[in-house]
PDB file of N, CA and C in Angstrom:
ATOM      1  N   UNK A   1      48.951 -24.170 -28.032  1.00  0.00           N
ATOM      2  CA  UNK A   1      47.873 -25.578 -28.936  1.00  0.00           C
ATOM      3  C   UNK A   1      47.776 -26.261 -28.095  1.00  0.00           C
ATOM      4  N   UNK A   2      46.138 -26.390 -28.644  1.00  0.00           N
ATOM      5  CA  UNK A   2      45.080 -27.843 -27.167  1.00  0.00           C
ATOM      6  C   UNK A   2      46.193 -28.765 -27.263  1.00  0.00           C
ATOM      7  N   UNK A   3      46.227 -29.879 -26.201  1.00  0.00           N
ATOM      8  CA  UNK A   3      47.052 -30.166 -25.627  1.00  0.00           C
ATOM      9  C   UNK A   3      46.014 -31.636 -27.369  1.00  0.00           C
ATOM     10  N   UNK A   4      46.438 -32.709 -27.245  1.00  0.00           N
ATOM     11  CA  UNK A   4      45.617 -33.596 -27.963  1.00  0.00           C
ATOM     12  C   UNK A   4      45.062 -34.224 -27.456  1.00  0.00           C
ATOM     13  N   UNK A   5      43.676 -34.869 -27.253  1.00  0.00           N
ATOM     14  CA  UNK A   5      42.103 -35.475 -26.808  1.00  0.00           C
ATOM     15  C   UNK A   5      41.486 -34.663 -26.440  1.00  0.00           C
ATOM     16  N   UNK A   6      40.075 -35.491 -25.549  1.00  0.00           N
ATOM     17  CA  UNK A   6      39.179 -34.546 -24.815  1.00  0.00           C
ATOM     18  C   UNK A   6      40.040 -33.465 -23.463  1.00  0.00           C
ATOM     19  N   UNK A   7      39.188 -32.553 -23.770  1.00  0.00           N
ATOM     20  CA  UNK A   7      39.459 -32.010 -22.511  1.00  0.00           C
ATOM     21  C   UNK A   7      37.903 -31.873 -21.499  1.00  0.00           C
ATOM     22  N   UNK A   8      37.763 -32.146 -21.111  1.00  0.00           N
ATOM     23  CA  UNK A   8      36.344 -32.920 -19.341  1.00  0.00           C
ATOM     24  C   UNK A   8      37.392 -31.295 -18.345  1.00  0.00           C
ATOM     25  N   UNK A   9      36.427 -31.045 -18.278  1.00  0.00           N
ATOM     26  CA  UNK A   9      35.151 -30.116 -16.986  1.00  0.00           C
ATOM     27  C   UNK A   9      35.804 -30.769 -16.203  1.00  0.00           C
ATOM     28  N   UNK A  10      35.569 -30.029 -14.212  1.00  0.00           N
ATOM     29  CA  UNK A  10      35.383 -30.146 -14.004  1.00  0.00           C
ATOM     30  C   UNK A  10      34.207 -31.739 -13.851  1.00  0.00           C
ATOM     31  N   UNK A  11      32.841 -31.065 -13.950  1.00  0.00           N
ATOM     32  CA  UNK A  11      31.455 -31.775 -13.842  1.00  0.00           C
ATOM     33  C   UNK A  11      31.592 -32.684 -15.462  1.00  0.00           C
ATOM     34  N   UNK A  12      33.119 -33.385 -15.562  1.00  0.00           N
ATOM     35  CA  UNK A  12      32.857 -34.709 -16.941  1.00  0.00           C
ATOM     36  C   UNK A  12      32.018 -33.575 -18.242  1.00  0.00           C
ATOM     37  N   UNK A  13      32.234 -32.478 -18.143  1.00  0.00           N
ATOM     38  CA  UNK A  13      31.701 -31.867 -19.630  1.00  0.00           C
ATOM     39  C   UNK A  13      33.011 -31.880 -20.453  1.00  0.00           C
ATOM     40  N   UNK A  14      32.533 -31.718 -22.053  1.00  0.00           N
ATOM     41  CA  UNK A  14      33.857 -31.960 -22.339  1.00  0.00           C
ATOM     42  C   UNK A  14      33.730 -30.175 -22.983  1.00  0.00           C
ATOM     43  N   UNK A  15      35.346 -29.344 -24.048  1.00  0.00           N
ATOM     44  CA  UNK A  15      35.013 -28.157 -24.352  1.00  0.00           C
ATOM     45  C   UNK A  15      35.800 -28.382 -25.089  1.00  0.00           C
ATOM     46  N   UNK A  16      35.636 -27.133 -25.955  1.00  0.00           N
ATOM     47  CA  UNK A  16      35.321 -27.431 -27.204  1.00  0.00           C
ATOM     48  C   UNK A  16      36.682 -26.817 -28.167  1.00  0.00           C
ATOM     49  N   UNK A  17      37.467 -25.795 -26.775  1.00  0.00           N
ATOM     50  CA  UNK A  17      38.955 -25.501 -26.820  1.00  0.00           C
ATOM     51  C   UNK A  17      39.044 -23.907 -25.603  1.00  0.00           C
ATOM     52  N   UNK A  18      39.641 -25.469 -24.177  1.00  0.00           N
ATOM     53  CA  UNK A  18      40.159 -24.143 -23.306  1.00  0.00           C
ATOM     54  C   UNK A  18      40.598 -23.322 -24.400  1.00  0.00           C
ATOM     55  N   UNK A  19      41.031 -23.314 -24.361  1.00  0.00           N
ATOM     56  CA  UNK A  19      42.439 -21.903 -25.194  1.00  0.00           C
ATOM     57  C   UNK A  19      41.958 -20.788 -26.804  1.00  0.00           C
ATOM     58  N   UNK A  20      40.482 -20.923 -26.386  1.00  0.00           N
ATOM     59  CA  UNK A  20      40.183 -20.195 -27.604  1.00  0.00           C
ATOM     60  C   UNK A  20      39.921 -19.172 -27.569  1.00  0.00           C
ATOM     61  N   UNK A  21      39.474 -18.742 -26.136  1.00  0.00           N
ATOM     62  CA  UNK A  21      39.094 -17.125 -25.639  1.00  0.00           C
ATOM     63  C   UNK A  21      37.754 -17.318 -25.346  1.00  0.00           C
ATOM     64  N   UNK A  22      36.999 -17.942 -25.690  1.00  0.00           N
ATOM     65  CA  UNK A  22      35.126 -17.946 -25.818  1.00  0.00           C
ATOM     66  C   UNK A  22      34.604 -17.081 -24.612  1.00  0.00           C
ATOM     67  N   UNK A  23      35.167 -17.607 -23.802  1.00  0.00           N
ATOM     68  CA  UNK A  23      34.106 -16.695 -22.307  1.00  0.00           C
ATOM     69  C   UNK A  23      34.712 -15.181 -22.289  1.00  0.00           C
ATOM     70  N   UNK A  24      33.757 -14.972 -21.517  1.00  0.00           N
ATOM     71  CA  UNK A  24      33.952 -13.634 -21.060  1.00  0.00           C
ATOM     72  C   UNK A  24      35.529 -13.162 -20.853  1.00  0.00           C
ATOM     73  N   UNK A  25      36.145 -12.359 -20.669  1.00  0.00           N
ATOM     74  CA  UNK A  25      37.651 -12.330 -19.967  1.00  0.00           C
ATOM     75  C   UNK A  25      38.817 -13.618 -20.584  1.00  0.00           C
ATOM     76  N   UNK A  26      38.221 -14.098 -21.371  1.00  0.00           N
ATOM     77  CA  UNK A  26      39.466 -14.822 -21.827  1.00  0.00           C
ATOM     78  C   UNK A  26      40.271 -14.044 -23.245  1.00  0.00           C
ATOM     79  N   UNK A  27      41.395 -14.793 -23.326  1.00  0.00           N
ATOM     80  CA  UNK A  27      42.545 -14.914 -24.816  1.00  0.00           C
ATOM     81  C   UNK A  27      42.280 -15.512 -25.267  1.00  0.00           C
ATOM     82  N   UNK A  28      41.697 -15.482 -27.171  1.00  0.00           N
ATOM     83  CA  UNK A  28      42.600 -16.504 -27.489  1.00  0.00           C
ATOM     84  C   UNK A  28      43.976 -16.922 -26.965  1.00  0.00           C
ATOM     85  N   UNK A  29      44.306 -18.276 -26.941  1.00  0.00           N
ATOM     86  CA  UNK A  29      45.753 -18.924 -26.492  1.00  0.00           C
ATOM     87  C   UNK A  29      46.173 -18.892 -25.311  1.00  0.00           C
ATOM     88  N   UNK A  30      45.013 -18.550 -24.273  1.00  0.00           N
ATOM     89  CA  UNK A  30      45.691 -18.748 -23.576  1.00  0.00           C
ATOM     90  C   UNK A  30      44.315 -19.525 -22.874  1.00  0.00           C
ATOM     91  N   UNK A  31      45.028 -20.101 -21.294  1.00  0.00           N
ATOM     92  CA  UNK A  31      43.387 -21.104 -20.599  1.00  0.00           C
ATOM     93  C   UNK A  31      42.617 -20.468 -20.653  1.00  0.00           C
ATOM     94  N   UNK A  32      41.585 -20.704 -20.742  1.00  0.00           N
ATOM     95  CA  UNK A  32      40.280 -20.343 -20.688  1.00  0.00           C
ATOM     96  C   UNK A  32      40.038 -19.778 -18.524  1.00  0.00           C
ATOM     97  N   UNK A  33      40.349 -18.644 -18.236  1.00  0.00           N
ATOM     98  CA  UNK A  33      39.549 -18.754 -16.633  1.00  0.00           C
ATOM     99  C   UNK A  33      38.895 -19.204 -15.969  1.00  0.00           C
ATOM    100  N   UNK A  34      37.799 -19.425 -17.149  1.00  0.00           N
ATOM    101  CA  UNK A  34      36.214 -20.083 -16.373  1.00  0.00           C
ATOM    102  C   UNK A  34      36.585 -21.493 -16.682  1.00  0.00           C
ATOM    103  N   UNK A  35      37.295 -22.072 -17.045  1.00  0.00           N
ATOM    104  CA  UNK A  35      37.818 -23.709 -17.455  1.00  0.00           C
ATOM    105  C   UNK A  35      37.739 -23.770 -15.414  1.00  0.00           C
ATOM    106  N   UNK A  36      36.269 -25.217 -15.323  1.00  0.00           N
ATOM    107  CA  UNK A  36      36.422 -25.792 -14.959  1.00  0.00           C
ATOM    108  C   UNK A  36      35.827 -25.552 -13.797  1.00  0.00           C
ATOM    109  N   UNK A  37      34.889 -24.330 -14.803  1.00  0.00           N
ATOM    110  CA  UNK A  37      33.248 -23.763 -13.847  1.00  0.00           C
ATOM    111  C   UNK A  37      32.435 -23.574 -15.553  1.00  0.00           C
ATOM    112  N   UNK A  38      32.955 -24.417 -15.576  1.00  0.00           N
ATOM    113  CA  UNK A  38      32.598 -24.552 -17.683  1.00  0.00           C
ATOM    114  C   UNK A  38      30.672 -23.995 -17.716  1.00  0.00           C
ATOM    115  N   UNK A  39      29.949 -24.202 -16.270  1.00  0.00           N
ATOM    116  CA  UNK A  39      28.863 -23.856 -16.499  1.00  0.00           C
ATOM    117  C   UNK A  39      27.855 -23.272 -16.964  1.00  0.00           C
ATOM    118  N   UNK A  40      29.242 -21.518 -16.758  1.00  0.00           N
ATOM    119  CA  UNK A  40      28.369 -20.699 -16.713  1.00  0.00           C
ATOM    120  C   UNK A  40      29.697 -20.481 -18.365  1.00  0.00           C
ATOM    121  N   UNK A  41      30.064 -21.280 -18.827  1.00  0.00           N
ATOM    122  CA  UNK A  41      30.937 -21.468 -20.562  1.00  0.00           C
ATOM    123  C   UNK A  41      30.030 -20.811 -21.584  1.00  0.00           C
ATOM    124  N   UNK A  42      29.490 -19.919 -22.585  1.00  0.00           N
ATOM    125  CA  UNK A  42      29.275 -20.627 -23.870  1.00  0.00           C
ATOM    126  C   UNK A  42      30.191 -21.363 -24.436  1.00  0.00           C
ATOM    127  N   UNK A  43      31.431 -21.829 -24.132  1.00  0.00           N
ATOM    128  CA  UNK A  43      32.185 -22.571 -25.049  1.00  0.00           C
ATOM    129  C   UNK A  43      31.805 -24.021 -24.979  1.00  0.00           C
ATOM    130  N   UNK A  44      30.994 -24.553 -24.298  1.00  0.00           N
ATOM    131  CA  UNK A  44      30.527 -25.426 -23.438  1.00  0.00           C
ATOM    132  C   UNK A  44      29.656 -26.787 -24.173  1.00  0.00           C
ATOM    133  N   UNK A  45      30.229 -28.219 -23.900  1.00  0.00           N
ATOM    134  CA  UNK A  45      28.674 -28.536 -24.695  1.00  0.00           C
ATOM    135  C   UNK A  45      28.203 -29.234 -23.938  1.00  0.00           C
ATOM    136  N   UNK A  46      27.023 -29.049 -23.570  1.00  0.00           N
ATOM    137  CA  UNK A  46      25.988 -29.944 -23.445  1.00  0.00           C
ATOM    138  C   UNK A  46      25.135 -31.123 -24.332  1.00  0.00           C
ATOM    139  N   UNK A  47      25.692 -32.174 -23.928  1.00  0.00           N
ATOM    140  CA  UNK A  47      24.275 -32.659 -25.444  1.00  0.00           C
ATOM    141  C   UNK A  47      23.249 -33.024 -24.321  1.00  0.00           C
ATOM    142  N   UNK A  48      22.418 -34.043 -24.554  1.00  0.00           N
ATOM    143  CA  UNK A  48      20.928 -34.324 -24.609  1.00  0.00           C
ATOM    144  C   UNK A  48      20.696 -35.768 -24.258  1.00  0.00           C
ATOM    145  N   UNK A  49      21.841 -36.117 -23.855  1.00  0.00           N
ATOM    146  CA  UNK A  49      21.496 -37.654 -23.862  1.00  0.00           C
ATOM    147  C   UNK A  49      21.176 -38.000 -22.068  1.00  0.00           C
ATOM    148  N   UNK A  50      20.557 -39.176 -21.662  1.00  0.00           N
ATOM    149  CA  UNK A  50      20.247 -39.579 -20.650  1.00  0.00           C
ATOM    150  C   UNK A  50      21.754 -38.775 -19.408  1.00  0.00           C
ATOM    151  N   UNK A  51      22.981 -39.848 -20.208  1.00  0.00           N
ATOM    152  CA  UNK A  51      23.776 -39.983 -19.064  1.00  0.00           C
ATOM    153  C   UNK A  51      24.582 -38.073 -18.795  1.00  0.00           C
ATOM    154  N   UNK A  52      24.628 -37.526 -19.917  1.00  0.00           N
ATOM    155  CA  UNK A  52      24.911 -35.789 -19.486  1.00  0.00           C
ATOM    156  C   UNK A  52      23.304 -35.564 -18.653  1.00  0.00           C
ATOM    157  N   UNK A  53      23.136 -35.796 -18.664  1.00  0.00           N
ATOM    158  CA  UNK A  53      21.515 -35.389 -17.968  1.00  0.00           C
ATOM    159  C   UNK A  53      21.412 -35.900 -16.514  1.00  0.00           C
ATOM    160  N   UNK A  54      22.050 -37.362 -16.186  1.00  0.00           N
ATOM    161  CA  UNK A  54      22.332 -37.360 -15.176  1.00  0.00           C
ATOM    162  C   UNK A  54      23.326 -36.690 -14.159  1.00  0.00           C
ATOM    163  N   UNK A  55      25.034 -35.963 -15.595  1.00  0.00           N
ATOM    164  CA  UNK A  55      26.241 -36.310 -14.737  1.00  0.00           C
ATOM    165  C   UNK A  55      25.634 -34.441 -14.358  1.00  0.00           C
ATOM    166  N   UNK A  56      24.352 -33.992 -15.600  1.00  0.00           N
ATOM    167  CA  UNK A  56      23.859 -32.091 -14.821  1.00  0.00           C
ATOM    168  C   UNK A  56      22.956 -32.693 -13.365  1.00  0.00           C
ATOM    169  N   UNK A  57      22.359 -33.620 -13.527  1.00  0.00           N
ATOM    170  CA  UNK A  57      21.298 -33.726 -11.939  1.00  0.00           C
ATOM    171  C   UNK A  57      22.709 -34.070 -10.553  1.00  0.00           C
ATOM    172  N   UNK A  58      23.919 -34.968 -10.762  1.00  0.00           N
ATOM    173  CA  UNK A  58      24.868 -34.529  -9.842  1.00  0.00           C
ATOM    174  C   UNK A  58      25.055 -33.629  -9.372  1.00  0.00           C
ATOM    175  N   UNK A  59      26.044 -32.357 -10.678  1.00  0.00           N
ATOM    176  CA  UNK A  59      26.184 -31.610 -10.980  1.00  0.00           C
ATOM    177  C   UNK A  59      25.820 -30.948  -9.751  1.00  0.00           C
ATOM    178  N   UNK A  60      24.399 -30.360  -9.697  1.00  0.00           N
ATOM    179  CA  UNK A  60      23.373 -29.384  -9.109  1.00  0.00           C
ATOM    180  C   UNK A  60      23.645 -29.858  -7.789  1.00  0.00           C
ATOM    181  N   UNK A  61      23.502 -31.356  -7.074  1.00  0.00           N
ATOM    182  CA  UNK A  61      23.037 -31.451  -5.893  1.00  0.00           C
ATOM    183  C   UNK A  61      24.112 -31.365  -5.662  1.00  0.00           C
ATOM    184  N   UNK A  62      25.687 -32.376  -6.384  1.00  0.00           N
ATOM    185  CA  UNK A  62      26.977 -31.139  -5.543  1.00  0.00           C
ATOM    186  C   UNK A  62      26.836 -30.052  -5.638  1.00  0.00           C
ATOM    187  N   UNK A  63      26.257 -29.098  -6.425  1.00  0.00           N
ATOM    188  CA  UNK A  63      27.132 -28.065  -5.702  1.00  0.00           C
ATOM    189  C   UNK A  63      25.346 -26.775  -4.484  1.00  0.00           C
ATOM    190  N   UNK A  64      24.464 -28.078  -4.890  1.00  0.00           N
ATOM    191  CA  UNK A  64      23.664 -27.844  -3.536  1.00  0.00           C
ATOM    192  C   UNK A  64      24.206 -28.085  -2.151  1.00  0.00           C
ATOM    193  N   UNK A  65      24.951 -28.962  -2.422  1.00  0.00           N
ATOM    194  CA  UNK A  65      25.885 -29.449  -0.821  1.00  0.00           C
ATOM    195  C   UNK A  65      26.780 -28.819  -0.340  1.00  0.00           C
ATOM    196  N   UNK A  66      27.956 -28.516  -1.965  1.00  0.00           N
ATOM    197  CA  UNK A  66      28.880 -28.125  -1.123  1.00  0.00           C
ATOM    198  C   UNK A  66      27.968 -26.056  -0.617  1.00  0.00           C
ATOM    199  N   UNK A  67      27.441 -25.865  -0.560  1.00  0.00           N
ATOM    200  CA  UNK A  67      26.816 -24.387  -0.817  1.00  0.00           C
ATOM    201  C   UNK A  67      26.841 -24.351   0.786  1.00  0.00           C
ATOM    202  N   UNK A  68      26.952 -25.652   1.586  1.00  0.00           N
ATOM    203  CA  UNK A  68      26.931 -25.204   3.126  1.00  0.00           C
ATOM    204  C   UNK A  68      28.342 -25.434   3.950  1.00  0.00           C
ATOM    205  N   UNK A  69      29.305 -25.960   3.054  1.00  0.00           N
ATOM    206  CA  UNK A  69      30.937 -26.306   3.301  1.00  0.00           C
ATOM    207  C   UNK A  69      31.255 -25.483   3.070  1.00  0.00           C
ATOM    208  N   UNK A  70      31.227 -24.811   2.239  1.00  0.00           N
ATOM    209  CA  UNK A  70      32.285 -23.961   1.791  1.00  0.00           C
ATOM    210  C   UNK A  70      31.964 -22.185   2.424  1.00  0.00           C
ATOM    211  N   UNK A  71      32.689 -21.185   2.246  1.00  0.00           N
ATOM    212  CA  UNK A  71      32.904 -19.903   2.901  1.00  0.00           C
ATOM    213  C   UNK A  71      31.604 -19.244   1.736  1.00  0.00           C
ATOM    214  N   UNK A  72      30.876 -18.561   2.706  1.00  0.00           N
ATOM    215  CA  UNK A  72      30.244 -18.143   1.608  1.00  0.00           C
ATOM    216  C   UNK A  72      30.382 -16.904   0.301  1.00  0.00           C
ATOM    217  N   UNK A  73      31.968 -15.914   0.964  1.00  0.00           N
ATOM    218  CA  UNK A  73      32.212 -15.325  -0.074  1.00  0.00           C
ATOM    219  C   UNK A  73      33.034 -16.404  -1.569  1.00  0.00           C
ATOM    220  N   UNK A  74      33.243 -17.803  -1.219  1.00  0.00           N
ATOM    221  CA  UNK A  74      33.636 -18.679  -1.506  1.00  0.00           C
ATOM    222  C   UNK A  74      32.335 -18.624  -2.440  1.00  0.00           C
ATOM    223  N   UNK A  75      32.100 -19.831  -2.522  1.00  0.00           N
ATOM    224  CA  UNK A  75      30.396 -19.931  -2.603  1.00  0.00           C
ATOM    225  C   UNK A  75      29.683 -18.639  -3.301  1.00  0.00           C
ATOM    226  N   UNK A  76      29.626 -17.827  -3.334  1.00  0.00           N
ATOM    227  CA  UNK A  76      29.133 -16.848  -4.103  1.00  0.00           C
ATOM    228  C   UNK A  76      29.315 -16.642  -5.222  1.00  0.00           C
ATOM    229  N   UNK A  77      30.560 -16.604  -5.226  1.00  0.00           N
ATOM    230  CA  UNK A  77      31.588 -15.826  -6.515  1.00  0.00           C
ATOM    231  C   UNK A  77      32.126 -16.911  -7.311  1.00  0.00           C
ATOM    232  N   UNK A  78      31.976 -18.082  -7.230  1.00  0.00           N
ATOM    233  CA  UNK A  78      32.943 -19.467  -7.945  1.00  0.00           C
ATOM    234  C   UNK A  78      31.496 -20.425  -8.506  1.00  0.00           C
ATOM    235  N   UNK A  79      31.015 -20.469  -6.849  1.00  0.00           N
ATOM    236  CA  UNK A  79      30.061 -21.800  -7.167  1.00  0.00           C
ATOM    237  C   UNK A  79      28.405 -21.120  -7.696  1.00  0.00           C
ATOM    238  N   UNK A  80      27.326 -20.280  -6.799  1.00  0.00           N
ATOM    239  CA  UNK A  80      26.343 -19.711  -6.819  1.00  0.00           C
ATOM    240  C   UNK A  80      26.435 -19.313  -8.070  1.00  0.00           C
ATOM    241  N   UNK A  81      26.827 -18.855  -9.338  1.00  0.00           N
ATOM    242  CA  UNK A  81      26.610 -18.457 -10.881  1.00  0.00           C
ATOM    243  C   UNK A  81      26.039 -19.999 -11.524  1.00  0.00           C
ATOM    244  N   UNK A  82      27.334 -20.922 -10.920  1.00  0.00           N
ATOM    245  CA  UNK A  82      26.646 -22.308 -11.517  1.00  0.00           C
ATOM    246  C   UNK A  82      25.388 -22.265 -11.807  1.00  0.00           C
ATOM    247  N   UNK A  83      25.202 -23.115 -10.534  1.00  0.00           N
ATOM    248  CA  UNK A  83      24.202 -23.409  -9.794  1.00  0.00           C
ATOM    249  C   UNK A  83      22.959 -23.201 -10.139  1.00  0.00           C
ATOM    250  N   UNK A  84      22.963 -21.098 -10.606  1.00  0.00           N
ATOM    251  CA  UNK A  84      21.810 -20.928 -11.550  1.00  0.00           C
ATOM    252  C   UNK A  84      21.430 -21.562 -12.078  1.00  0.00           C
ATOM    253  N   UNK A  85      22.715 -20.781 -12.685  1.00  0.00           N
ATOM    254  CA  UNK A  85      22.388 -21.561 -14.168  1.00  0.00           C
ATOM    255  C   UNK A  85      22.203 -22.989 -14.538  1.00  0.00           C
ATOM    256  N   UNK A  86      22.675 -23.161 -14.242  1.00  0.00           N
ATOM    257  CA  UNK A  86      21.787 -25.177 -14.372  1.00  0.00           C
ATOM    258  C   UNK A  86      20.708 -25.489 -13.615  1.00  0.00           C
ATOM    259  N   UNK A  87      20.142 -24.440 -12.937  1.00  0.00           N
ATOM    260  CA  UNK A  87      19.009 -24.298 -11.944  1.00  0.00           C
ATOM    261  C   UNK A  87      18.256 -23.594 -13.013  1.00  0.00           C
ATOM    262  N   UNK A  88      17.919 -23.003 -13.595  1.00  0.00           N
ATOM    263  CA  UNK A  88      17.962 -21.687 -13.638  1.00  0.00           C
ATOM    264  C   UNK A  88      16.737 -21.291 -15.463  1.00  0.00           C
ATOM    265  N   UNK A  89      18.099 -22.102 -15.983  1.00  0.00           N
ATOM    266  CA  UNK A  89      18.564 -22.191 -17.418  1.00  0.00           C
ATOM    267  C   UNK A  89      18.908 -23.917 -18.309  1.00  0.00           C
ATOM    268  N   UNK A  90      19.967 -24.361 -17.808  1.00  0.00           N
ATOM    269  CA  UNK A  90      20.059 -25.484 -17.922  1.00  0.00           C
ATOM    270  C   UNK A  90      19.005 -26.933 -18.132  1.00  0.00           C
ATOM    271  N   UNK A  91      19.141 -26.713 -17.065  1.00  0.00           N
ATOM    272  CA  UNK A  91      18.107 -28.473 -17.006  1.00  0.00           C
ATOM    273  C   UNK A  91      16.156 -27.476 -16.628  1.00  0.00           C
ATOM    274  N   UNK A  92      16.546 -26.722 -16.946  1.00  0.00           N
ATOM    275  CA  UNK A  92      14.933 -26.427 -17.556  1.00  0.00           C
ATOM    276  C   UNK A  92      14.419 -26.423 -19.109  1.00  0.00           C
ATOM    277  N   UNK A  93      15.781 -26.878 -19.806  1.00  0.00           N
ATOM    278  CA  UNK A  93      15.241 -27.352 -20.802  1.00  0.00           C
ATOM    279  C   UNK A  93      14.990 -29.170 -21.300  1.00  0.00           C
ATOM    280  N   UNK A  94      15.283 -30.314 -19.906  1.00  0.00           N
ATOM    281  CA  UNK A  94      15.246 -31.338 -20.658  1.00  0.00           C
ATOM    282  C   UNK A  94      13.281 -30.931 -20.091  1.00  0.00           C
ATOM    283  N   UNK A  95      12.844 -32.530 -20.943  1.00  0.00           N
ATOM    284  CA  UNK A  95      11.834 -33.041 -20.262  1.00  0.00           C
ATOM    285  C   UNK A  95      11.466 -33.659 -19.158  1.00  0.00           C
ATOM    286  N   UNK A  96      10.161 -33.763 -18.588  1.00  0.00           N
ATOM    287  CA  UNK A  96      10.472 -34.605 -17.109  1.00  0.00           C
ATOM    288  C   UNK A  96      10.359 -36.209 -17.769  1.00  0.00           C
ATOM    289  N   UNK A  97      10.369 -36.556 -18.360  1.00  0.00           N
ATOM    290  CA  UNK A  97      10.724 -38.454 -19.172  1.00  0.00           C
ATOM    291  C   UNK A  97      12.414 -38.180 -19.212  1.00  0.00           C
ATOM    292  N   UNK A  98      12.357 -37.260 -19.223  1.00  0.00           N
ATOM    293  CA  UNK A  98      14.019 -37.195 -19.423  1.00  0.00           C
ATOM    294  C   UNK A  98      15.052 -37.212 -18.102  1.00  0.00           C
ATOM    295  N   UNK A  99      14.178 -36.402 -17.505  1.00  0.00           N
ATOM    296  CA  UNK A  99      14.403 -36.102 -15.940  1.00  0.00           C
ATOM    297  C   UNK A  99      14.418 -36.985 -14.855  1.00  0.00           C
ATOM    298  N   UNK A 100      13.800 -38.226 -15.057  1.00  0.00           N
ATOM    299  CA  UNK A 100      13.279 -39.493 -14.885  1.00  0.00           C
ATOM    300  C   UNK A 100      14.005 -40.461 -15.067  1.00  0.00           C
ATOM    301  N   UNK A 101      14.167 -40.315 -16.647  1.00  0.00           N
ATOM    302  CA  UNK A 101      15.396 -41.550 -16.735  1.00  0.00           C
ATOM    303  C   UNK A 101      16.874 -41.309 -16.130  1.00  0.00           C
ATOM    304  N   UNK A 102      17.123 -39.941 -16.373  1.00  0.00           N
ATOM    305  CA  UNK A 102      18.553 -39.615 -15.470  1.00  0.00           C
ATOM    306  C   UNK A 102      18.618 -40.271 -14.092  1.00  0.00           C
ATOM    307  N   UNK A 103      17.848 -39.346 -13.660  1.00  0.00           N
ATOM    308  CA  UNK A 103      18.115 -39.758 -12.118  1.00  0.00           C
ATOM    309  C   UNK A 103      17.769 -41.026 -11.715  1.00  0.00           C
ATOM    310  N   UNK A 104      17.110 -42.197 -12.479  1.00  0.00           N
ATOM    311  CA  UNK A 104      18.439 -43.351 -12.452  1.00  0.00           C
ATOM    312  C   UNK A 104      19.373 -43.743 -12.595  1.00  0.00           C
ATOM    313  N   UNK A 105      19.953 -43.358 -14.035  1.00  0.00           N
ATOM    314  CA  UNK A 105      21.385 -43.268 -14.139  1.00  0.00           C
ATOM    315  C   UNK A 105      22.343 -42.246 -13.070  1.00  0.00           C
ATOM    316  N   UNK A 106      21.535 -41.111 -12.396  1.00  0.00           N
ATOM    317  CA  UNK A 106      22.762 -40.948 -11.439  1.00  0.00           C
ATOM    318  C   UNK A 106      23.821 -42.080 -10.428  1.00  0.00           C
ATOM    319  N   UNK A 107      22.880 -42.082  -9.780  1.00  0.00           N
ATOM    320  CA  UNK A 107      24.115 -43.279  -8.707  1.00  0.00           C
ATOM    321  C   UNK A 107      25.081 -43.946  -9.181  1.00  0.00           C
ATOM    322  N   UNK A 108      25.142 -44.561 -11.103  1.00  0.00           N
ATOM    323  CA  UNK A 108      26.086 -45.386 -11.158  1.00  0.00           C
ATOM    324  C   UNK A 108      27.147 -44.359 -11.811  1.00  0.00           C
ATOM    325  N   UNK A 109      27.082 -43.214 -11.624  1.00  0.00           N
ATOM    326  CA  UNK A 109      28.198 -41.886 -12.287  1.00  0.00           C
ATOM    327  C   UNK A 109      29.401 -42.001 -10.976  1.00  0.00           C
ATOM    328  N   UNK A 110      30.437 -42.168 -11.733  1.00  0.00           N
ATOM    329  CA  UNK A 110      31.824 -41.559 -10.615  1.00  0.00           C
ATOM    330  C   UNK A 110      31.385 -40.255  -9.751  1.00  0.00           C
ATOM    331  N   UNK A 111      31.820 -40.920  -8.766  1.00  0.00           N
ATOM    332  CA  UNK A 111      31.982 -39.214  -7.714  1.00  0.00           C
ATOM    333  C   UNK A 111      32.300 -37.973  -8.314  1.00  0.00           C
ATOM    334  N   UNK A 112      32.111 -36.952  -7.995  1.00  0.00           N
ATOM    335  CA  UNK A 112      32.530 -36.082  -9.339  1.00  0.00           C
ATOM    336  C   UNK A 112      33.350 -35.527  -7.596  1.00  0.00           C
ATOM    337  N   UNK A 113      34.694 -34.347  -7.746  1.00  0.00           N
ATOM    338  CA  UNK A 113      35.787 -34.651  -7.079  1.00  0.00           C
ATOM    339  C   UNK A 113      34.890 -32.946  -5.470  1.00  0.00           C
ATOM    340  N   UNK A 114      35.970 -32.643  -4.284  1.00  0.00           N
ATOM    341  CA  UNK A 114      35.489 -32.056  -3.780  1.00  0.00           C
ATOM    342  C   UNK A 114      35.646 -30.421  -3.759  1.00  0.00           C
ATOM    343  N   UNK A 115      34.914 -29.906  -3.919  1.00  0.00           N
ATOM    344  CA  UNK A 115      34.548 -28.267  -4.701  1.00  0.00           C
ATOM    345  C   UNK A 115      35.224 -27.676  -2.966  1.00  0.00           C
ATOM    346  N   UNK A 116      36.204 -26.800  -3.481  1.00  0.00           N
ATOM    347  CA  UNK A 116      37.406 -26.075  -3.165  1.00  0.00           C
ATOM    348  C   UNK A 116      37.226 -24.720  -2.673  1.00  0.00           C
TER     349      UNK A 116
END
């Protein structure tokens, strides 16, 4: 059973149900093994509003910065796929105008937790 309330990923995005078994390799009723790696999840909910886009840009910057700090094997296995999807698939769906508006909001967001 899903606990009451909104389930939020590490990058601040809602998950429809982390116990649904939607991500590859997961089973219904068990916590998604991809939870906290939500940018690669087909069940992630990503809005098109400026604040969500600002969070996506913040996540991109956070992932890029972590690439120089984390062990290369960990980076490659966990975070590189998220960054690749974010840069090549998700962010390319937004207009240049939307990106400019989101850049202004990015600095107003709370900091993201350190990646390990």
